C-alpha atoms as a PDB file:
ATOM      1  CA  MET A   1      19.801 -29.616  -4.851  1.00  0.00           C
ATOM      2  CA  THR A   2      16.261 -28.439  -5.467  1.00  0.00           C
ATOM      3  CA  ASP A   3      14.068 -29.519  -8.313  1.00  0.00           C
ATOM      4  CA  PRO A   4      13.389 -27.215 -11.318  1.00  0.00           C
ATOM      5  CA  GLU A   5       9.860 -26.361 -10.154  1.00  0.00           C
ATOM      6  CA  GLU A   6      11.156 -25.255  -6.764  1.00  0.00           C
ATOM      7  CA  ARG A   7      13.846 -23.066  -8.390  1.00  0.00           C
ATOM      8  CA  LEU A   8      11.206 -21.554 -10.696  1.00  0.00           C
ATOM      9  CA  ARG A   9       8.960 -20.844  -7.715  1.00  0.00           C
ATOM     10  CA  GLU A  10      11.854 -19.215  -5.812  1.00  0.00           C
ATOM     11  CA  ARG A  11      12.707 -17.007  -8.807  1.00  0.00           C
ATOM     12  CA  GLU A  12       9.068 -15.957  -9.160  1.00  0.00           C
ATOM     13  CA  LEU A  13       8.827 -15.089  -5.455  1.00  0.00           C
ATOM     14  CA  GLU A  14      12.050 -13.073  -5.697  1.00  0.00           C
ATOM     15  CA  ARG A  15      10.739 -11.210  -8.759  1.00  0.00           C
ATOM     16  CA  ARG A  16       7.488 -10.399  -6.945  1.00  0.00           C
ATOM     17  CA  ARG A  17       9.381  -9.288  -3.830  1.00  0.00           C
ATOM     18  CA  GLU A  18      11.599  -6.961  -5.912  1.00  0.00           C
ATOM     19  CA  ASN A  19       8.606  -5.466  -7.740  1.00  0.00           C
ATOM     20  CA  GLU A  20       6.704  -4.900  -4.491  1.00  0.00           C
ATOM     21  CA  LEU A  21       9.722  -3.146  -2.956  1.00  0.00           C
ATOM     22  CA  LYS A  22      10.015  -0.930  -6.062  1.00  0.00           C
ATOM     23  CA  ASP A  23       6.311  -0.055  -5.733  1.00  0.00           C
ATOM     24  CA  LEU A  24       6.790   0.833  -2.077  1.00  0.00           C
ATOM     25  CA  ASP A  25       9.722   3.100  -2.948  1.00  0.00           C
ATOM     26  CA  VAL A  26       7.560   4.940  -5.486  1.00  0.00           C
ATOM     27  CA  GLU A  27       4.723   5.269  -2.967  1.00  0.00           C
ATOM     28  CA  GLU A  28       7.109   6.821  -0.439  1.00  0.00           C
ATOM     29  CA  THR A  29       8.122   9.575  -2.872  1.00  0.00           C
ATOM     30  CA  PRO A  30       6.270  12.742  -1.828  1.00  0.00           C
ATOM     31  CA  GLY A  31       4.541  14.970  -4.332  1.00  0.00           C
ATOM     32  CA  GLU A  32       1.369  15.422  -6.280  1.00  0.00           C
ATOM     33  CA  ARG A  33       0.262  12.501  -8.421  1.00  0.00           C
ATOM     34  CA  PRO A  34      -2.249  12.248 -11.245  1.00  0.00           C
ATOM     35  CA  LEU A  35      -5.619  10.866 -10.256  1.00  0.00           C
ATOM     36  CA  GLU A  36      -5.847   7.165 -10.988  1.00  0.00           C
ATOM     37  CA  GLY A  37      -7.548   6.484 -14.287  1.00  0.00           C
ATOM     38  CA  LEU A  38      -7.012  10.031 -15.512  1.00  0.00           C
ATOM     39  CA  SER A  39      -3.224  10.107 -15.674  1.00  0.00           C
ATOM     40  CA  GLY A  40      -3.227  11.208 -19.321  1.00  0.00           C
ATOM     41  CA  ALA A  41      -5.444  14.207 -18.642  1.00  0.00           C
ATOM     42  CA  GLU A  42      -4.001  17.540 -17.583  1.00  0.00           C
ATOM     43  CA  GLY A  43      -4.894  19.263 -14.341  1.00  0.00           C
ATOM     44  CA  THR A  44      -6.050  16.146 -12.536  1.00  0.00           C
ATOM     45  CA  THR A  45      -3.728  16.125  -9.539  1.00  0.00           C
ATOM     46  CA  TRP A  46      -4.805  16.294  -5.912  1.00  0.00           C
ATOM     47  CA  THR A  47      -4.478  19.744  -4.457  1.00  0.00           C
ATOM     48  CA  PRO A  48      -3.447  20.695  -0.928  1.00  0.00           C
ATOM     49  CA  GLU A  49      -6.979  22.012  -0.381  1.00  0.00           C
ATOM     50  CA  GLN A  50      -8.423  18.561  -1.067  1.00  0.00           C
ATOM     51  CA  ASP A  51      -6.008  17.061   1.438  1.00  0.00           C
ATOM     52  CA  ASP A  52      -6.860  19.686   4.085  1.00  0.00           C
ATOM     53  CA  ARG A  53     -10.594  18.948   3.943  1.00  0.00           C
ATOM     54  CA  GLN A  54     -10.225  15.387   5.218  1.00  0.00           C
ATOM     55  CA  ARG A  55      -6.966  15.652   7.158  1.00  0.00           C
ATOM     56  CA  SER A  56      -8.429  15.008  10.622  1.00  0.00           C
ATOM     57  CA  VAL A  57     -10.479  12.042   9.429  1.00  0.00           C
ATOM     58  CA  HIS A  58      -7.526  10.312   7.793  1.00  0.00           C
ATOM     59  CA  GLU A  59      -4.579  11.436   9.939  1.00  0.00           C
ATOM     60  CA  GLY A  60      -3.131   7.966  10.655  1.00  0.00           C
ATOM     61  CA  ASP A  61      -4.073   6.366   7.350  1.00  0.00           C
ATOM     62  CA  GLU A  62      -0.751   6.901   5.571  1.00  0.00           C
ATOM     63  CA  ALA A  63       1.422   5.350   8.281  1.00  0.00           C
ATOM     64  CA  ALA A  64      -0.982   2.431   8.715  1.00  0.00           C
ATOM     65  CA  SER A  65      -1.111   1.836   4.963  1.00  0.00           C
ATOM     66  CA  ARG A  66       2.694   1.871   4.658  1.00  0.00           C
ATOM     67  CA  ALA A  67       3.012  -0.594   7.543  1.00  0.00           C
ATOM     68  CA  ARG A  68       0.459  -2.937   5.938  1.00  0.00           C
ATOM     69  CA  SER A  69       2.211  -2.661   2.554  1.00  0.00           C
ATOM     70  CA  ARG A  70       5.614  -3.468   4.060  1.00  0.00           C
ATOM     71  CA  ALA A  71       4.117  -6.426   5.939  1.00  0.00           C
ATOM     72  CA  GLN A  72       2.902  -7.908   2.634  1.00  0.00           C
ATOM     73  CA  VAL A  73       6.416  -8.258   1.225  1.00  0.00           C
ATOM     74  CA  PRO A  74       7.495 -11.826   1.928  1.00  0.00           C
ATOM     75  CA  PRO A  75      10.871 -12.182   3.596  1.00  0.00           C
ATOM     76  CA  ALA A  76      13.751 -13.306   1.436  1.00  0.00           C
ATOM     77  CA  PRO A  77      14.417 -17.041   1.769  1.00  0.00           C
ATOM     78  CA  PRO A  78      17.646 -18.063   3.468  1.00  0.00           C
ATOM     79  CA  HIS A  79      20.437 -18.258   0.920  1.00  0.00           C
ATOM     80  CA  HIS A  80      21.902 -21.708   0.560  1.00  0.00           C
ATOM     81  CA  GLU A  81      24.861 -22.916  -1.462  1.00  0.00           C
ATOM     82  CA  GLU A  82      24.361 -25.698  -3.971  1.00  0.00           C
END
C-alpha cells in the first residue's frame, strides 16, 4: 500500500496527463482559430493567405510540434491492485 502523499502525487500526474491529452486533441482539430490574446475580438483569425506566405519556411513545423507535444505526456504508471 502506498502512502497518502504518493497517492496524491499519482492523482495529480494522472490529472495533468488527462489535461495534456485533451489539449492535444483540441490542437489536432483543423480550422481557423482566433489569434491568441485577441479571442474576444471579431475578425482576428488567421487567413489562408497568411499561411501561404510562410508555407515553405515552416513546412515541417506542425508535424515536429505534434511529435514534441506527444512526447511530453508522461506514460501512465503501471496499474497495481491494492
